[in-house]
Amino acid sequence: MTLFAVLFEDDQKNAAAIRKEYLPRHFAFLEANAASIRTAGPLSREGDAFAGGLWLVEAETADAVDHLVKEDPFWAAGLRKSVQVFRWNQVFAEGALL
């Protein structure tokens, strides 16, 4: 399996309303896919409540990650403006080189 970093940029149009309505479904989606989505959380810029999100995903291919992204209720609701998927090689953790 390969680790991927997934960066989302949110479409700020109607973002607050979409988050409010779809957040419980988004959380349920994350929990249902916990075997692949290792960690997830929102990103913000200074002065902004939310600017996007970040996931670390374990998957066979970038196409599998893309498929997972498209199943997220936030994607279907139009919250996400863009997504970038990168292979990630962890080399440092908890104060030590790996």
PDB file of N, CA and C in Angstrom:
ATOM      1  N   MET A   1       0.839  -1.186   0.000  1.00  0.00           N
ATOM      2  CA  MET A   1       0.000   0.000   0.000  1.00  0.00           C
ATOM      3  C   MET A   1       0.880   1.244   0.000  1.00  0.00           C
ATOM      4  N   THR A   2       0.362   2.277  -0.579  1.00  0.00           N
ATOM      5  CA  THR A   2       1.052   3.559  -0.669  1.00  0.00           C
ATOM      6  C   THR A   2       0.284   4.586   0.139  1.00  0.00           C
ATOM      7  N   LEU A   3       1.009   5.494   0.757  1.00  0.00           N
ATOM      8  CA  LEU A   3       0.365   6.611   1.450  1.00  0.00           C
ATOM      9  C   LEU A   3       0.240   7.788   0.496  1.00  0.00           C
ATOM     10  N   PHE A   4      -0.917   8.435   0.532  1.00  0.00           N
ATOM     11  CA  PHE A   4      -1.184   9.605  -0.292  1.00  0.00           C
ATOM     12  C   PHE A   4      -1.631  10.754   0.602  1.00  0.00           C
ATOM     13  N   ALA A   5      -1.146  11.946   0.286  1.00  0.00           N
ATOM     14  CA  ALA A   5      -1.648  13.170   0.911  1.00  0.00           C
ATOM     15  C   ALA A   5      -2.681  13.749  -0.045  1.00  0.00           C
ATOM     16  N   VAL A   6      -3.851  14.058   0.491  1.00  0.00           N
ATOM     17  CA  VAL A   6      -4.945  14.590  -0.313  1.00  0.00           C
ATOM     18  C   VAL A   6      -5.264  15.984   0.211  1.00  0.00           C
ATOM     19  N   LEU A   7      -5.099  16.991  -0.647  1.00  0.00           N
ATOM     20  CA  LEU A   7      -5.362  18.380  -0.273  1.00  0.00           C
ATOM     21  C   LEU A   7      -6.612  18.866  -0.982  1.00  0.00           C
ATOM     22  N   PHE A   8      -7.549  19.356  -0.190  1.00  0.00           N
ATOM     23  CA  PHE A   8      -8.791  19.891  -0.734  1.00  0.00           C
ATOM     24  C   PHE A   8      -8.810  21.404  -0.579  1.00  0.00           C
ATOM     25  N   GLU A   9      -9.298  22.092  -1.594  1.00  0.00           N
ATOM     26  CA  GLU A   9      -9.618  23.514  -1.472  1.00  0.00           C
ATOM     27  C   GLU A   9     -11.135  23.615  -1.567  1.00  0.00           C
ATOM     28  N   ASP A  10     -11.729  24.326  -0.618  1.00  0.00           N
ATOM     29  CA  ASP A  10     -13.183  24.457  -0.604  1.00  0.00           C
ATOM     30  C   ASP A  10     -13.646  25.613  -1.475  1.00  0.00           C
ATOM     31  N   ASP A  11     -14.823  25.449  -2.052  1.00  0.00           N
ATOM     32  CA  ASP A  11     -15.512  26.523  -2.754  1.00  0.00           C
ATOM     33  C   ASP A  11     -16.253  27.314  -1.685  1.00  0.00           C
ATOM     34  N   GLN A  12     -15.871  28.550  -1.479  1.00  0.00           N
ATOM     35  CA  GLN A  12     -16.423  29.325  -0.367  1.00  0.00           C
ATOM     36  C   GLN A  12     -17.894  29.705  -0.561  1.00  0.00           C
ATOM     37  N   LYS A  13     -18.402  29.600  -1.787  1.00  0.00           N
ATOM     38  CA  LYS A  13     -19.815  29.887  -2.029  1.00  0.00           C
ATOM     39  C   LYS A  13     -20.657  28.815  -1.336  1.00  0.00           C
ATOM     40  N   ASN A  14     -21.473  29.218  -0.401  1.00  0.00           N
ATOM     41  CA  ASN A  14     -22.366  28.324   0.352  1.00  0.00           C
ATOM     42  C   ASN A  14     -21.632  27.314   1.233  1.00  0.00           C
ATOM     43  N   ALA A  15     -20.345  27.536   1.496  1.00  0.00           N
ATOM     44  CA  ALA A  15     -19.557  26.564   2.257  1.00  0.00           C
ATOM     45  C   ALA A  15     -20.120  26.342   3.658  1.00  0.00           C
ATOM     46  N   ALA A  16     -20.481  27.407   4.347  1.00  0.00           N
ATOM     47  CA  ALA A  16     -20.979  27.260   5.719  1.00  0.00           C
ATOM     48  C   ALA A  16     -22.261  26.432   5.749  1.00  0.00           C
ATOM     49  N   ALA A  17     -23.168  26.701   4.827  1.00  0.00           N
ATOM     50  CA  ALA A  17     -24.433  25.963   4.783  1.00  0.00           C
ATOM     51  C   ALA A  17     -24.198  24.494   4.420  1.00  0.00           C
ATOM     52  N   ILE A  18     -23.299  24.250   3.475  1.00  0.00           N
ATOM     53  CA  ILE A  18     -22.998  22.868   3.073  1.00  0.00           C
ATOM     54  C   ILE A  18     -22.371  22.110   4.233  1.00  0.00           C
ATOM     55  N   ARG A  19     -21.394  22.729   4.899  1.00  0.00           N
ATOM     56  CA  ARG A  19     -20.756  22.062   6.044  1.00  0.00           C
ATOM     57  C   ARG A  19     -21.790  21.716   7.117  1.00  0.00           C
ATOM     58  N   LYS A  20     -22.644  22.667   7.422  1.00  0.00           N
ATOM     59  CA  LYS A  20     -23.646  22.444   8.474  1.00  0.00           C
ATOM     60  C   LYS A  20     -24.555  21.270   8.115  1.00  0.00           C
ATOM     61  N   GLU A  21     -25.015  21.232   6.876  1.00  0.00           N
ATOM     62  CA  GLU A  21     -25.952  20.186   6.469  1.00  0.00           C
ATOM     63  C   GLU A  21     -25.286  18.819   6.301  1.00  0.00           C
ATOM     64  N   TYR A  22     -24.082  18.795   5.759  1.00  0.00           N
ATOM     65  CA  TYR A  22     -23.459  17.526   5.376  1.00  0.00           C
ATOM     66  C   TYR A  22     -22.411  17.003   6.351  1.00  0.00           C
ATOM     67  N   LEU A  23     -22.069  17.758   7.392  1.00  0.00           N
ATOM     68  CA  LEU A  23     -21.008  17.328   8.302  1.00  0.00           C
ATOM     69  C   LEU A  23     -21.271  15.957   8.938  1.00  0.00           C
ATOM     70  N   PRO A  24     -22.485  15.672   9.434  1.00  0.00           N
ATOM     71  CA  PRO A  24     -22.709  14.333  10.006  1.00  0.00           C
ATOM     72  C   PRO A  24     -22.483  13.209   8.985  1.00  0.00           C
ATOM     73  N   ARG A  25     -22.896  13.420   7.735  1.00  0.00           N
ATOM     74  CA  ARG A  25     -22.692  12.409   6.689  1.00  0.00           C
ATOM     75  C   ARG A  25     -21.206  12.280   6.329  1.00  0.00           C
ATOM     76  N   HIS A  26     -20.506  13.417   6.323  1.00  0.00           N
ATOM     77  CA  HIS A  26     -19.063  13.405   6.058  1.00  0.00           C
ATOM     78  C   HIS A  26     -18.337  12.615   7.146  1.00  0.00           C
ATOM     79  N   PHE A  27     -18.678  12.869   8.418  1.00  0.00           N
ATOM     80  CA  PHE A  27     -18.055  12.128   9.521  1.00  0.00           C
ATOM     81  C   PHE A  27     -18.362  10.632   9.427  1.00  0.00           C
ATOM     82  N   ALA A  28     -19.592  10.280   9.091  1.00  0.00           N
ATOM     83  CA  ALA A  28     -19.954   8.867   8.934  1.00  0.00           C
ATOM     84  C   ALA A  28     -19.151   8.231   7.798  1.00  0.00           C
ATOM     85  N   PHE A  29     -18.952   8.983   6.717  1.00  0.00           N
ATOM     86  CA  PHE A  29     -18.140   8.506   5.597  1.00  0.00           C
ATOM     87  C   PHE A  29     -16.703   8.248   6.041  1.00  0.00           C
ATOM     88  N   LEU A  30     -16.122   9.196   6.792  1.00  0.00           N
ATOM     89  CA  LEU A  30     -14.754   9.016   7.282  1.00  0.00           C
ATOM     90  C   LEU A  30     -14.654   7.769   8.159  1.00  0.00           C
ATOM     91  N   GLU A  31     -15.608   7.599   9.064  1.00  0.00           N
ATOM     92  CA  GLU A  31     -15.591   6.426   9.944  1.00  0.00           C
ATOM     93  C   GLU A  31     -15.736   5.129   9.151  1.00  0.00           C
ATOM     94  N   ALA A  32     -16.599   5.128   8.152  1.00  0.00           N
ATOM     95  CA  ALA A  32     -16.815   3.928   7.341  1.00  0.00           C
ATOM     96  C   ALA A  32     -15.584   3.575   6.505  1.00  0.00           C
ATOM     97  N   ASN A  33     -14.733   4.558   6.239  1.00  0.00           N
ATOM     98  CA  ASN A  33     -13.547   4.348   5.413  1.00  0.00           C
ATOM     99  C   ASN A  33     -12.250   4.491   6.202  1.00  0.00           C
ATOM    100  N   ALA A  34     -12.326   4.253   7.504  1.00  0.00           N
ATOM    101  CA  ALA A  34     -11.169   4.425   8.389  1.00  0.00           C
ATOM    102  C   ALA A  34     -10.008   3.493   8.041  1.00  0.00           C
ATOM    103  N   ALA A  35     -10.272   2.386   7.393  1.00  0.00           N
ATOM    104  CA  ALA A  35      -9.185   1.485   7.005  1.00  0.00           C
ATOM    105  C   ALA A  35      -8.286   2.114   5.943  1.00  0.00           C
ATOM    106  N   SER A  36      -8.833   3.030   5.160  1.00  0.00           N
ATOM    107  CA  SER A  36      -8.061   3.706   4.112  1.00  0.00           C
ATOM    108  C   SER A  36      -7.686   5.131   4.493  1.00  0.00           C
ATOM    109  N   ILE A  37      -8.635   5.873   5.051  1.00  0.00           N
ATOM    110  CA  ILE A  37      -8.388   7.266   5.434  1.00  0.00           C
ATOM    111  C   ILE A  37      -7.786   7.244   6.828  1.00  0.00           C
ATOM    112  N   ARG A  38      -6.466   7.413   6.896  1.00  0.00           N
ATOM    113  CA  ARG A  38      -5.741   7.261   8.157  1.00  0.00           C
ATOM    114  C   ARG A  38      -5.923   8.444   9.087  1.00  0.00           C
ATOM    115  N   THR A  39      -6.009   9.633   8.526  1.00  0.00           N
ATOM    116  CA  THR A  39      -6.241  10.841   9.313  1.00  0.00           C
ATOM    117  C   THR A  39      -6.854  11.887   8.392  1.00  0.00           C
ATOM    118  N   ALA A  40      -7.635  12.787   8.977  1.00  0.00           N
ATOM    119  CA  ALA A  40      -8.312  13.805   8.176  1.00  0.00           C
ATOM    120  C   ALA A  40      -8.637  15.002   9.051  1.00  0.00           C
ATOM    121  N   GLY A  41      -8.688  16.170   8.433  1.00  0.00           N
ATOM    122  CA  GLY A  41      -9.072  17.355   9.184  1.00  0.00           C
ATOM    123  C   GLY A  41      -9.113  18.583   8.301  1.00  0.00           C
ATOM    124  N   PRO A  42      -9.738  19.645   8.824  1.00  0.00           N
ATOM    125  CA  PRO A  42      -9.877  20.877   8.050  1.00  0.00           C
ATOM    126  C   PRO A  42      -8.586  21.690   8.023  1.00  0.00           C
ATOM    127  N   LEU A  43      -8.463  22.495   6.993  1.00  0.00           N
ATOM    128  CA  LEU A  43      -7.381  23.470   6.869  1.00  0.00           C
ATOM    129  C   LEU A  43      -7.993  24.862   6.923  1.00  0.00           C
ATOM    130  N   SER A  44      -7.247  25.809   7.463  1.00  0.00           N
ATOM    131  CA  SER A  44      -7.742  27.192   7.499  1.00  0.00           C
ATOM    132  C   SER A  44      -6.593  28.144   7.238  1.00  0.00           C
ATOM    133  N   ARG A  45      -6.959  29.320   6.764  1.00  0.00           N
ATOM    134  CA  ARG A  45      -6.015  30.418   6.645  1.00  0.00           C
ATOM    135  C   ARG A  45      -6.337  31.383   7.766  1.00  0.00           C
ATOM    136  N   GLU A  46      -5.372  32.168   8.151  1.00  0.00           N
ATOM    137  CA  GLU A  46      -5.627  33.145   9.206  1.00  0.00           C
ATOM    138  C   GLU A  46      -6.812  34.020   8.804  1.00  0.00           C
ATOM    139  N   GLY A  47      -7.789  34.097   9.684  1.00  0.00           N
ATOM    140  CA  GLY A  47      -8.979  34.893   9.414  1.00  0.00           C
ATOM    141  C   GLY A  47     -10.108  34.133   8.751  1.00  0.00           C
ATOM    142  N   ASP A  48      -9.854  32.907   8.278  1.00  0.00           N
ATOM    143  CA  ASP A  48     -10.894  32.085   7.657  1.00  0.00           C
ATOM    144  C   ASP A  48     -11.220  30.916   8.573  1.00  0.00           C
ATOM    145  N   ALA A  49     -12.493  30.584   8.660  1.00  0.00           N
ATOM    146  CA  ALA A  49     -12.881  29.430   9.464  1.00  0.00           C
ATOM    147  C   ALA A  49     -12.380  28.134   8.815  1.00  0.00           C
ATOM    148  N   PHE A  50     -12.641  27.968   7.529  1.00  0.00           N
ATOM    149  CA  PHE A  50     -12.227  26.777   6.795  1.00  0.00           C
ATOM    150  C   PHE A  50     -11.770  27.185   5.401  1.00  0.00           C
ATOM    151  N   ALA A  51     -10.701  26.579   4.933  1.00  0.00           N
ATOM    152  CA  ALA A  51     -10.220  26.831   3.575  1.00  0.00           C
ATOM    153  C   ALA A  51     -10.211  25.549   2.744  1.00  0.00           C
ATOM    154  N   GLY A  52     -10.249  24.410   3.433  1.00  0.00           N
ATOM    155  CA  GLY A  52     -10.185  23.131   2.743  1.00  0.00           C
ATOM    156  C   GLY A  52      -9.969  22.009   3.731  1.00  0.00           C
ATOM    157  N   GLY A  53      -9.295  20.968   3.279  1.00  0.00           N
ATOM    158  CA  GLY A  53      -9.050  19.831   4.151  1.00  0.00           C
ATOM    159  C   GLY A  53      -7.826  19.053   3.721  1.00  0.00           C
ATOM    160  N   LEU A  54      -7.398  18.164   4.605  1.00  0.00           N
ATOM    161  CA  LEU A  54      -6.240  17.309   4.358  1.00  0.00           C
ATOM    162  C   LEU A  54      -6.566  15.903   4.836  1.00  0.00           C
ATOM    163  N   TRP A  55      -6.312  14.931   3.986  1.00  0.00           N
ATOM    164  CA  TRP A  55      -6.417  13.527   4.365  1.00  0.00           C
ATOM    165  C   TRP A  55      -5.074  12.861   4.112  1.00  0.00           C
ATOM    166  N   LEU A  56      -4.740  11.870   4.912  1.00  0.00           N
ATOM    167  CA  LEU A  56      -3.688  10.912   4.586  1.00  0.00           C
ATOM    168  C   LEU A  56      -4.396   9.593   4.324  1.00  0.00           C
ATOM    169  N   VAL A  57      -4.195   9.060   3.129  1.00  0.00           N
ATOM    170  CA  VAL A  57      -4.935   7.884   2.674  1.00  0.00           C
ATOM    171  C   VAL A  57      -3.959   6.774   2.299  1.00  0.00           C
ATOM    172  N   GLU A  58      -4.265   5.573   2.746  1.00  0.00           N
ATOM    173  CA  GLU A  58      -3.504   4.394   2.348  1.00  0.00           C
ATOM    174  C   GLU A  58      -4.297   3.684   1.253  1.00  0.00           C
ATOM    175  N   ALA A  59      -3.687   3.549   0.073  1.00  0.00           N
ATOM    176  CA  ALA A  59      -4.386   2.942  -1.063  1.00  0.00           C
ATOM    177  C   ALA A  59      -3.372   2.340  -2.026  1.00  0.00           C
ATOM    178  N   GLU A  60      -3.873   1.530  -2.937  1.00  0.00           N
ATOM    179  CA  GLU A  60      -3.017   0.909  -3.952  1.00  0.00           C
ATOM    180  C   GLU A  60      -2.577   1.917  -5.011  1.00  0.00           C
ATOM    181  N   THR A  61      -3.514   2.789  -5.438  1.00  0.00           N
ATOM    182  CA  THR A  61      -3.227   3.710  -6.544  1.00  0.00           C
ATOM    183  C   THR A  61      -3.863   5.075  -6.292  1.00  0.00           C
ATOM    184  N   ALA A  62      -3.387   6.066  -7.027  1.00  0.00           N
ATOM    185  CA  ALA A  62      -3.990   7.398  -6.972  1.00  0.00           C
ATOM    186  C   ALA A  62      -5.424   7.356  -7.496  1.00  0.00           C
ATOM    187  N   ASP A  63      -5.702   6.477  -8.466  1.00  0.00           N
ATOM    188  CA  ASP A  63      -7.072   6.334  -8.972  1.00  0.00           C
ATOM    189  C   ASP A  63      -8.016   5.852  -7.877  1.00  0.00           C
ATOM    190  N   ALA A  64      -7.547   4.958  -7.020  1.00  0.00           N
ATOM    191  CA  ALA A  64      -8.368   4.488  -5.898  1.00  0.00           C
ATOM    192  C   ALA A  64      -8.656   5.632  -4.930  1.00  0.00           C
ATOM    193  N   VAL A  65      -7.673   6.491  -4.714  1.00  0.00           N
ATOM    194  CA  VAL A  65      -7.878   7.660  -3.849  1.00  0.00           C
ATOM    195  C   VAL A  65      -8.903   8.592  -4.482  1.00  0.00           C
ATOM    196  N   ASP A  66      -8.778   8.829  -5.784  1.00  0.00           N
ATOM    197  CA  ASP A  66      -9.720   9.700  -6.486  1.00  0.00           C
ATOM    198  C   ASP A  66     -11.143   9.165  -6.369  1.00  0.00           C
ATOM    199  N   HIS A  67     -11.301   7.865  -6.500  1.00  0.00           N
ATOM    200  CA  HIS A  67     -12.621   7.240  -6.352  1.00  0.00           C
ATOM    201  C   HIS A  67     -13.171   7.469  -4.942  1.00  0.00           C
ATOM    202  N   LEU A  68     -12.326   7.317  -3.938  1.00  0.00           N
ATOM    203  CA  LEU A  68     -12.733   7.544  -2.550  1.00  0.00           C
ATOM    204  C   LEU A  68     -13.168   8.991  -2.343  1.00  0.00           C
ATOM    205  N   VAL A  69     -12.397   9.925  -2.868  1.00  0.00           N
ATOM    206  CA  VAL A  69     -12.723  11.355  -2.759  1.00  0.00           C
ATOM    207  C   VAL A  69     -14.109  11.630  -3.326  1.00  0.00           C
ATOM    208  N   LYS A  70     -14.411  11.038  -4.470  1.00  0.00           N
ATOM    209  CA  LYS A  70     -15.681  11.305  -5.154  1.00  0.00           C
ATOM    210  C   LYS A  70     -16.880  10.703  -4.413  1.00  0.00           C
ATOM    211  N   GLU A  71     -16.628   9.774  -3.480  1.00  0.00           N
ATOM    212  CA  GLU A  71     -17.702   9.192  -2.672  1.00  0.00           C
ATOM    213  C   GLU A  71     -18.029  10.021  -1.433  1.00  0.00           C
ATOM    214  N   ASP A  72     -17.168  10.958  -1.082  1.00  0.00           N
ATOM    215  CA  ASP A  72     -17.369  11.795   0.106  1.00  0.00           C
ATOM    216  C   ASP A  72     -18.597  12.687  -0.088  1.00  0.00           C
ATOM    217  N   PRO A  73     -19.516  12.718   0.875  1.00  0.00           N
ATOM    218  CA  PRO A  73     -20.689  13.588   0.761  1.00  0.00           C
ATOM    219  C   PRO A  73     -20.342  15.058   0.523  1.00  0.00           C
ATOM    220  N   PHE A  74     -19.219  15.530   1.044  1.00  0.00           N
ATOM    221  CA  PHE A  74     -18.812  16.915   0.788  1.00  0.00           C
ATOM    222  C   PHE A  74     -18.549  17.142  -0.700  1.00  0.00           C
ATOM    223  N   TRP A  75     -18.005  16.136  -1.392  1.00  0.00           N
ATOM    224  CA  TRP A  75     -17.736  16.275  -2.821  1.00  0.00           C
ATOM    225  C   TRP A  75     -19.052  16.376  -3.590  1.00  0.00           C
ATOM    226  N   ALA A  76     -19.958  15.457  -3.327  1.00  0.00           N
ATOM    227  CA  ALA A  76     -21.246  15.448  -4.031  1.00  0.00           C
ATOM    228  C   ALA A  76     -22.051  16.715  -3.772  1.00  0.00           C
ATOM    229  N   ALA A  77     -21.889  17.299  -2.585  1.00  0.00           N
ATOM    230  CA  ALA A  77     -22.634  18.510  -2.228  1.00  0.00           C
ATOM    231  C   ALA A  77     -22.032  19.768  -2.845  1.00  0.00           C
ATOM    232  N   GLY A  78     -20.843  19.650  -3.445  1.00  0.00           N
ATOM    233  CA  GLY A  78     -20.223  20.794  -4.095  1.00  0.00           C
ATOM    234  C   GLY A  78     -19.330  21.639  -3.205  1.00  0.00           C
ATOM    235  N   LEU A  79     -18.981  21.132  -2.022  1.00  0.00           N
ATOM    236  CA  LEU A  79     -18.121  21.911  -1.131  1.00  0.00           C
ATOM    237  C   LEU A  79     -16.709  22.040  -1.690  1.00  0.00           C
ATOM    238  N   ARG A  80     -16.217  20.985  -2.304  1.00  0.00           N
ATOM    239  CA  ARG A  80     -14.823  20.968  -2.740  1.00  0.00           C
ATOM    240  C   ARG A  80     -14.662  21.671  -4.087  1.00  0.00           C
ATOM    241  N   LYS A  81     -13.783  22.667  -4.103  1.00  0.00           N
ATOM    242  CA  LYS A  81     -13.466  23.392  -5.340  1.00  0.00           C
ATOM    243  C   LYS A  81     -12.425  22.628  -6.156  1.00  0.00           C
ATOM    244  N   SER A  82     -11.459  22.056  -5.450  1.00  0.00           N
ATOM    245  CA  SER A  82     -10.411  21.297  -6.131  1.00  0.00           C
ATOM    246  C   SER A  82      -9.826  20.268  -5.173  1.00  0.00           C
ATOM    247  N   VAL A  83      -9.136  19.305  -5.755  1.00  0.00           N
ATOM    248  CA  VAL A  83      -8.447  18.282  -4.967  1.00  0.00           C
ATOM    249  C   VAL A  83      -7.119  17.979  -5.650  1.00  0.00           C
ATOM    250  N   GLN A  84      -6.093  17.776  -4.838  1.00  0.00           N
ATOM    251  CA  GLN A  84      -4.783  17.357  -5.331  1.00  0.00           C
ATOM    252  C   GLN A  84      -4.376  16.110  -4.551  1.00  0.00           C
ATOM    253  N   VAL A  85      -3.869  15.125  -5.261  1.00  0.00           N
ATOM    254  CA  VAL A  85      -3.449  13.866  -4.647  1.00  0.00           C
ATOM    255  C   VAL A  85      -1.956  13.686  -4.904  1.00  0.00           C
ATOM    256  N   PHE A  86      -1.201  13.464  -3.822  1.00  0.00           N
ATOM    257  CA  PHE A  86       0.244  13.298  -3.902  1.00  0.00           C
ATOM    258  C   PHE A  86       0.654  12.004  -3.202  1.00  0.00           C
ATOM    259  N   ARG A  87       1.600  11.274  -3.773  1.00  0.00           N
ATOM    260  CA  ARG A  87       2.228  10.171  -3.035  1.00  0.00           C
ATOM    261  C   ARG A  87       3.015  10.790  -1.892  1.00  0.00           C
ATOM    262  N   TRP A  88       2.984  10.145  -0.734  1.00  0.00           N
ATOM    263  CA  TRP A  88       3.676  10.685   0.437  1.00  0.00           C
ATOM    264  C   TRP A  88       4.560   9.614   1.039  1.00  0.00           C
ATOM    265  N   ASN A  89       5.812   9.961   1.269  1.00  0.00           N
ATOM    266  CA  ASN A  89       6.767   9.045   1.876  1.00  0.00           C
ATOM    267  C   ASN A  89       7.175   9.617   3.222  1.00  0.00           C
ATOM    268  N   GLN A  90       6.675   9.050   4.285  1.00  0.00           N
ATOM    269  CA  GLN A  90       6.993   9.533   5.629  1.00  0.00           C
ATOM    270  C   GLN A  90       8.427   9.162   5.977  1.00  0.00           C
ATOM    271  N   VAL A  91       9.217  10.168   6.367  1.00  0.00           N
ATOM    272  CA  VAL A  91      10.615   9.920   6.719  1.00  0.00           C
ATOM    273  C   VAL A  91      10.946  10.340   8.146  1.00  0.00           C
ATOM    274  N   PHE A  92       9.997  10.994   8.825  1.00  0.00           N
ATOM    275  CA  PHE A  92      10.253  11.499  10.172  1.00  0.00           C
ATOM    276  C   PHE A  92       8.960  11.410  10.964  1.00  0.00           C
ATOM    277  N   ALA A  93       9.024  10.885  12.187  1.00  0.00           N
ATOM    278  CA  ALA A  93       7.841  10.797  13.043  1.00  0.00           C
ATOM    279  C   ALA A  93       8.269  10.752  14.502  1.00  0.00           C
ATOM    280  N   GLU A  94       7.522  11.453  15.327  1.00  0.00           N
ATOM    281  CA  GLU A  94       7.727  11.435  16.773  1.00  0.00           C
ATOM    282  C   GLU A  94       9.188  11.658  17.155  1.00  0.00           C
ATOM    283  N   GLY A  95       9.810  12.625  16.487  1.00  0.00           N
ATOM    284  CA  GLY A  95      11.164  13.024  16.831  1.00  0.00           C
ATOM    285  C   GLY A  95      12.281  12.156  16.293  1.00  0.00           C
ATOM    286  N   ALA A  96      11.950  11.236  15.389  1.00  0.00           N
ATOM    287  CA  ALA A  96      12.985  10.331  14.895  1.00  0.00           C
ATOM    288  C   ALA A  96      12.851  10.092  13.395  1.00  0.00           C
ATOM    289  N   LEU A  97      13.997   9.924  12.742  1.00  0.00           N
ATOM    290  CA  LEU A  97      13.996   9.498  11.347  1.00  0.00           C
ATOM    291  C   LEU A  97      13.524   8.056  11.280  1.00  0.00           C
ATOM    292  N   LEU A  98      12.795   7.747  10.254  1.00  0.00           N
ATOM    293  CA  LEU A  98      12.282   6.380  10.087  1.00  0.00           C
ATOM    294  C   LEU A  98      13.200   5.566   9.193  1.00  0.00           C
TER     295      LEU A  98
END
